[in-house]
């Protein structure tokens, strides 16, 4: 689903995270570092989707998805921040990467040696903060933040939303993957 409501964030250093910290040691370590920063706006869940439904005795949140309340909290958490912390989950990937673009936010990606989709087309180096795992996350974020005006940060947010529409929305992603595969087959 597309949760974007057109909310752009001003130049306030604020990083969102809503999710489970216990499903991966790397994620847990990174979140424990960010908890020391006053700009970190987090909601920690005990499982993916933060399933708080009472009717799920024998089903998990992967089967039924997060509750409406948890979806709303996720969206509000991300809308309230300029940056979105993106750090791997159980696998070397995270939904939050694409969700950050969908919401028009600036991803703060903790890089753990994975390939970014459409990496030869999308200007990731200018539209997000990429920090290798174990580096000084705060320093890298502040350098990026302080090197941009409020207008530039608004424009990055708008461009990131456009990137989601062009490359990651379901119909666009299908078309782009099909196009890439066709070119590689030639």
C-alpha atoms as a PDB file:
ATOM      1  CA  UNK A   1       0.000   0.000   0.000  1.00  0.00           C
ATOM      2  CA  UNK A   2       1.045   3.597  -0.588  1.00  0.00           C
ATOM      3  CA  UNK A   3       0.976   5.455   2.738  1.00  0.00           C
ATOM      4  CA  UNK A   4       2.337   8.762   1.417  1.00  0.00           C
ATOM      5  CA  UNK A   5       0.270  11.780   2.437  1.00  0.00           C
ATOM      6  CA  UNK A   6       2.564  14.484   1.088  1.00  0.00           C
ATOM      7  CA  UNK A   7       4.226  15.256   4.426  1.00  0.00           C
ATOM      8  CA  UNK A   8       7.678  16.780   3.935  1.00  0.00           C
ATOM      9  CA  UNK A   9       9.945  17.400   6.898  1.00  0.00           C
ATOM     10  CA  UNK A  10      11.790  20.641   7.655  1.00  0.00           C
ATOM     11  CA  UNK A  11      15.537  20.778   8.271  1.00  0.00           C
ATOM     12  CA  UNK A  12      15.368  19.277  11.736  1.00  0.00           C
ATOM     13  CA  UNK A  13      17.749  16.453  12.552  1.00  0.00           C
ATOM     14  CA  UNK A  14      15.300  13.665  13.332  1.00  0.00           C
ATOM     15  CA  UNK A  15      15.648   9.969  12.452  1.00  0.00           C
ATOM     16  CA  UNK A  16      12.731   7.536  12.539  1.00  0.00           C
ATOM     17  CA  UNK A  17      12.703   3.822  13.156  1.00  0.00           C
ATOM     18  CA  UNK A  18       9.699   1.622  13.807  1.00  0.00           C
ATOM     19  CA  UNK A  19      10.361  -2.086  13.942  1.00  0.00           C
ATOM     20  CA  UNK A  20      11.800  -5.075  15.700  1.00  0.00           C
ATOM     21  CA  UNK A  21      15.319  -4.826  17.112  1.00  0.00           C
ATOM     22  CA  UNK A  22      15.709  -8.442  18.177  1.00  0.00           C
ATOM     23  CA  UNK A  23      15.529 -10.231  14.835  1.00  0.00           C
ATOM     24  CA  UNK A  24      19.176  -9.542  13.944  1.00  0.00           C
ATOM     25  CA  UNK A  25      22.331  -8.835  15.976  1.00  0.00           C
ATOM     26  CA  UNK A  26      23.477  -6.096  13.594  1.00  0.00           C
ATOM     27  CA  UNK A  27      20.138  -4.299  13.824  1.00  0.00           C
ATOM     28  CA  UNK A  28      20.179  -4.584  17.608  1.00  0.00           C
ATOM     29  CA  UNK A  29      23.708  -3.155  17.827  1.00  0.00           C
ATOM     30  CA  UNK A  30      22.918  -0.244  15.504  1.00  0.00           C
ATOM     31  CA  UNK A  31      19.703   0.611  17.354  1.00  0.00           C
ATOM     32  CA  UNK A  32      21.511   0.556  20.703  1.00  0.00           C
ATOM     33  CA  UNK A  33      23.925   3.185  19.320  1.00  0.00           C
ATOM     34  CA  UNK A  34      21.102   5.387  18.011  1.00  0.00           C
ATOM     35  CA  UNK A  35      19.203   5.229  21.296  1.00  0.00           C
ATOM     36  CA  UNK A  36      21.920   7.536  22.680  1.00  0.00           C
ATOM     37  CA  UNK A  37      21.005  10.334  20.245  1.00  0.00           C
ATOM     38  CA  UNK A  38      18.263  12.788  21.197  1.00  0.00           C
ATOM     39  CA  UNK A  39      17.186  13.048  17.542  1.00  0.00           C
ATOM     40  CA  UNK A  40      16.280   9.343  17.342  1.00  0.00           C
ATOM     41  CA  UNK A  41      12.510   8.850  17.073  1.00  0.00           C
ATOM     42  CA  UNK A  42      11.892   5.131  17.523  1.00  0.00           C
ATOM     43  CA  UNK A  43       9.146   2.642  18.209  1.00  0.00           C
ATOM     44  CA  UNK A  44      10.553  -0.747  19.132  1.00  0.00           C
ATOM     45  CA  UNK A  45       8.375  -3.759  18.331  1.00  0.00           C
ATOM     46  CA  UNK A  46       8.710  -7.266  19.723  1.00  0.00           C
ATOM     47  CA  UNK A  47       8.124  -8.817  16.296  1.00  0.00           C
ATOM     48  CA  UNK A  48       7.756  -7.844  12.647  1.00  0.00           C
ATOM     49  CA  UNK A  49       4.651  -5.707  12.317  1.00  0.00           C
ATOM     50  CA  UNK A  50       4.444  -5.397  16.110  1.00  0.00           C
ATOM     51  CA  UNK A  51       1.455  -7.681  16.093  1.00  0.00           C
ATOM     52  CA  UNK A  52      -0.830  -6.611  18.934  1.00  0.00           C
ATOM     53  CA  UNK A  53      -3.967  -8.356  17.716  1.00  0.00           C
ATOM     54  CA  UNK A  54      -5.779 -10.673  20.093  1.00  0.00           C
ATOM     55  CA  UNK A  55      -7.061 -12.988  17.321  1.00  0.00           C
ATOM     56  CA  UNK A  56      -3.658 -14.302  16.282  1.00  0.00           C
ATOM     57  CA  UNK A  57      -3.140 -17.204  18.652  1.00  0.00           C
ATOM     58  CA  UNK A  58      -1.786 -19.551  15.979  1.00  0.00           C
ATOM     59  CA  UNK A  59      -0.795 -17.080  13.251  1.00  0.00           C
ATOM     60  CA  UNK A  60       2.074 -14.618  13.086  1.00  0.00           C
ATOM     61  CA  UNK A  61       2.243 -11.093  11.666  1.00  0.00           C
ATOM     62  CA  UNK A  62       3.823 -12.349   8.421  1.00  0.00           C
ATOM     63  CA  UNK A  63       0.594 -14.222   7.738  1.00  0.00           C
ATOM     64  CA  UNK A  64      -1.881 -11.495   8.583  1.00  0.00           C
ATOM     65  CA  UNK A  65       0.217  -8.322   8.479  1.00  0.00           C
ATOM     66  CA  UNK A  66       0.438  -5.565  11.067  1.00  0.00           C
ATOM     67  CA  UNK A  67      -2.706  -4.194  12.676  1.00  0.00           C
ATOM     68  CA  UNK A  68      -4.217  -0.920  11.467  1.00  0.00           C
ATOM     69  CA  UNK A  69      -2.994   0.732  14.684  1.00  0.00           C
ATOM     70  CA  UNK A  70       0.581  -0.418  14.073  1.00  0.00           C
ATOM     71  CA  UNK A  71       0.475   0.685  10.420  1.00  0.00           C
ATOM     72  CA  UNK A  72      -0.721   4.122  11.523  1.00  0.00           C
ATOM     73  CA  UNK A  73       2.049   4.381  14.155  1.00  0.00           C
ATOM     74  CA  UNK A  74       4.633   3.364  11.542  1.00  0.00           C
ATOM     75  CA  UNK A  75       3.429   6.007   9.074  1.00  0.00           C
ATOM     76  CA  UNK A  76       3.239   8.746  11.716  1.00  0.00           C
ATOM     77  CA  UNK A  77       6.704   7.849  13.010  1.00  0.00           C
ATOM     78  CA  UNK A  78       8.197   8.141   9.540  1.00  0.00           C
ATOM     79  CA  UNK A  79       6.235  11.296   8.648  1.00  0.00           C
ATOM     80  CA  UNK A  80       7.545  12.976  11.786  1.00  0.00           C
ATOM     81  CA  UNK A  81      11.200  12.619  10.738  1.00  0.00           C
ATOM     82  CA  UNK A  82      13.392  13.837   7.897  1.00  0.00           C
ATOM     83  CA  UNK A  83      15.527  10.679   7.913  1.00  0.00           C
ATOM     84  CA  UNK A  84      14.591   7.029   8.141  1.00  0.00           C
ATOM     85  CA  UNK A  85      17.034   4.538   9.653  1.00  0.00           C
ATOM     86  CA  UNK A  86      17.482   1.619   7.261  1.00  0.00           C
ATOM     87  CA  UNK A  87      19.321  -1.360   8.723  1.00  0.00           C
ATOM     88  CA  UNK A  88      19.060  -4.989   7.707  1.00  0.00           C
ATOM     89  CA  UNK A  89      16.631  -7.393   9.309  1.00  0.00           C
ATOM     90  CA  UNK A  90      16.772 -11.192   9.277  1.00  0.00           C
ATOM     91  CA  UNK A  91      18.161 -11.163   5.756  1.00  0.00           C
ATOM     92  CA  UNK A  92      20.592  -8.686   4.237  1.00  0.00           C
ATOM     93  CA  UNK A  93      17.704  -6.448   3.223  1.00  0.00           C
ATOM     94  CA  UNK A  94      14.822  -4.462   4.720  1.00  0.00           C
ATOM     95  CA  UNK A  95      11.407  -3.264   3.565  1.00  0.00           C
ATOM     96  CA  UNK A  96      12.221   0.085   5.164  1.00  0.00           C
ATOM     97  CA  UNK A  97      14.565   0.923   2.289  1.00  0.00           C
ATOM     98  CA  UNK A  98      11.729   1.142  -0.229  1.00  0.00           C
ATOM     99  CA  UNK A  99       9.270   2.464   2.362  1.00  0.00           C
ATOM    100  CA  UNK A 100      11.595   5.424   3.004  1.00  0.00           C
ATOM    101  CA  UNK A 101      11.435   6.365  -0.669  1.00  0.00           C
ATOM    102  CA  UNK A 102       7.658   5.786  -0.717  1.00  0.00           C
ATOM    103  CA  UNK A 103       7.252   8.224   2.186  1.00  0.00           C
ATOM    104  CA  UNK A 104       9.559  10.792   0.587  1.00  0.00           C
ATOM    105  CA  UNK A 105      12.106  10.541   3.388  1.00  0.00           C
ATOM    106  CA  UNK A 106      15.895  10.423   3.266  1.00  0.00           C
ATOM    107  CA  UNK A 107      17.181   6.932   4.044  1.00  0.00           C
ATOM    108  CA  UNK A 108      20.067   6.627   6.487  1.00  0.00           C
ATOM    109  CA  UNK A 109      21.374   3.291   5.220  1.00  0.00           C
ATOM    110  CA  UNK A 110      23.677   1.237   7.391  1.00  0.00           C
ATOM    111  CA  UNK A 111      25.577  -0.555   4.649  1.00  0.00           C
ATOM    112  CA  UNK A 112      26.169  -4.276   5.165  1.00  0.00           C
ATOM    113  CA  UNK A 113      27.571  -5.279   1.770  1.00  0.00           C
ATOM    114  CA  UNK A 114      24.507  -5.623  -0.392  1.00  0.00           C
ATOM    115  CA  UNK A 115      23.575  -4.388  -3.840  1.00  0.00           C
ATOM    116  CA  UNK A 116      21.122  -1.534  -4.184  1.00  0.00           C
ATOM    117  CA  UNK A 117      18.333  -2.053  -6.741  1.00  0.00           C
ATOM    118  CA  UNK A 118      18.748  -0.070  -9.963  1.00  0.00           C
ATOM    119  CA  UNK A 119      22.114   1.065  -8.578  1.00  0.00           C
ATOM    120  CA  UNK A 120      23.394   2.143 -11.984  1.00  0.00           C
ATOM    121  CA  UNK A 121      20.385   4.443 -12.534  1.00  0.00           C
ATOM    122  CA  UNK A 122      19.303   5.911  -9.172  1.00  0.00           C
ATOM    123  CA  UNK A 123      21.505   8.663  -7.641  1.00  0.00           C
ATOM    124  CA  UNK A 124      21.755   7.012  -4.234  1.00  0.00           C
ATOM    125  CA  UNK A 125      24.952   8.838  -3.287  1.00  0.00           C
ATOM    126  CA  UNK A 126      23.101  12.176  -3.393  1.00  0.00           C
ATOM    127  CA  UNK A 127      19.670  11.090  -2.153  1.00  0.00           C
ATOM    128  CA  UNK A 128      20.546   9.188   0.985  1.00  0.00           C
ATOM    129  CA  UNK A 129      23.152   8.842   3.689  1.00  0.00           C
ATOM    130  CA  UNK A 130      25.158   5.626   3.338  1.00  0.00           C
ATOM    131  CA  UNK A 131      27.307   4.645   6.322  1.00  0.00           C
ATOM    132  CA  UNK A 132      29.236   1.364   6.510  1.00  0.00           C
ATOM    133  CA  UNK A 133      28.292  -0.827   9.458  1.00  0.00           C
ATOM    134  CA  UNK A 134      30.463   0.003  12.472  1.00  0.00           C
ATOM    135  CA  UNK A 135      31.456   3.498  11.292  1.00  0.00           C
ATOM    136  CA  UNK A 136      30.517   6.756  13.045  1.00  0.00           C
ATOM    137  CA  UNK A 137      26.826   7.007  12.102  1.00  0.00           C
ATOM    138  CA  UNK A 138      26.260  10.301  13.909  1.00  0.00           C
ATOM    139  CA  UNK A 139      29.216  12.012  12.201  1.00  0.00           C
ATOM    140  CA  UNK A 140      28.177  10.870   8.714  1.00  0.00           C
ATOM    141  CA  UNK A 141      24.569  11.937   9.280  1.00  0.00           C
ATOM    142  CA  UNK A 142      25.526  15.357  10.653  1.00  0.00           C
ATOM    143  CA  UNK A 143      27.946  15.974   7.753  1.00  0.00           C
ATOM    144  CA  UNK A 144      25.212  15.201   5.218  1.00  0.00           C
ATOM    145  CA  UNK A 145      22.595  17.197   7.123  1.00  0.00           C
ATOM    146  CA  UNK A 146      24.769  20.272   7.652  1.00  0.00           C
ATOM    147  CA  UNK A 147      25.925  20.333   4.025  1.00  0.00           C
ATOM    148  CA  UNK A 148      22.365  20.873   2.727  1.00  0.00           C
ATOM    149  CA  UNK A 149      19.979  23.806   2.942  1.00  0.00           C
ATOM    150  CA  UNK A 150      16.369  23.308   3.936  1.00  0.00           C
ATOM    151  CA  UNK A 151      15.340  23.803   0.296  1.00  0.00           C
ATOM    152  CA  UNK A 152      17.802  21.125  -0.853  1.00  0.00           C
ATOM    153  CA  UNK A 153      16.448  18.702   1.758  1.00  0.00           C
ATOM    154  CA  UNK A 154      12.878  19.377   0.587  1.00  0.00           C
ATOM    155  CA  UNK A 155      13.974  18.693  -2.987  1.00  0.00           C
ATOM    156  CA  UNK A 156      15.652  15.426  -1.985  1.00  0.00           C
ATOM    157  CA  UNK A 157      12.434  14.336  -0.295  1.00  0.00           C
ATOM    158  CA  UNK A 158      10.427  15.125  -3.423  1.00  0.00           C
ATOM    159  CA  UNK A 159      12.972  13.374  -5.626  1.00  0.00           C
ATOM    160  CA  UNK A 160      12.951  10.307  -3.371  1.00  0.00           C
ATOM    161  CA  UNK A 161       9.176  10.103  -3.671  1.00  0.00           C
ATOM    162  CA  UNK A 162       9.577  10.338  -7.468  1.00  0.00           C
ATOM    163  CA  UNK A 163      12.185   7.568  -7.362  1.00  0.00           C
ATOM    164  CA  UNK A 164       9.683   5.344  -5.550  1.00  0.00           C
ATOM    165  CA  UNK A 165       7.003   6.113  -8.147  1.00  0.00           C
ATOM    166  CA  UNK A 166       9.368   5.489 -11.059  1.00  0.00           C
ATOM    167  CA  UNK A 167      11.256   2.422  -9.799  1.00  0.00           C
ATOM    168  CA  UNK A 168       9.652   0.818  -6.751  1.00  0.00           C
ATOM    169  CA  UNK A 169       5.876   1.109  -7.068  1.00  0.00           C
ATOM    170  CA  UNK A 170       4.643  -2.339  -8.099  1.00  0.00           C
ATOM    171  CA  UNK A 171       3.741  -1.523 -11.715  1.00  0.00           C
ATOM    172  CA  UNK A 172       6.911   0.529 -12.224  1.00  0.00           C
ATOM    173  CA  UNK A 173       9.165  -2.092 -10.649  1.00  0.00           C
ATOM    174  CA  UNK A 174       7.697  -4.794 -12.885  1.00  0.00           C
ATOM    175  CA  UNK A 175       8.246  -2.684 -16.002  1.00  0.00           C
ATOM    176  CA  UNK A 176      11.815  -1.740 -15.005  1.00  0.00           C
ATOM    177  CA  UNK A 177      12.837  -5.302 -14.140  1.00  0.00           C
ATOM    178  CA  UNK A 178      11.333  -6.537 -17.409  1.00  0.00           C
ATOM    179  CA  UNK A 179      13.203  -3.814 -19.302  1.00  0.00           C
ATOM    180  CA  UNK A 180      16.506  -4.626 -17.589  1.00  0.00           C
ATOM    181  CA  UNK A 181      16.131  -8.320 -18.315  1.00  0.00           C
ATOM    182  CA  UNK A 182      15.275  -7.628 -21.954  1.00  0.00           C
ATOM    183  CA  UNK A 183      18.402  -5.512 -22.409  1.00  0.00           C
ATOM    184  CA  UNK A 184      20.600  -8.153 -20.801  1.00  0.00           C
ATOM    185  CA  UNK A 185      19.177 -10.874 -23.045  1.00  0.00           C
ATOM    186  CA  UNK A 186      20.267  -9.027 -26.200  1.00  0.00           C
END
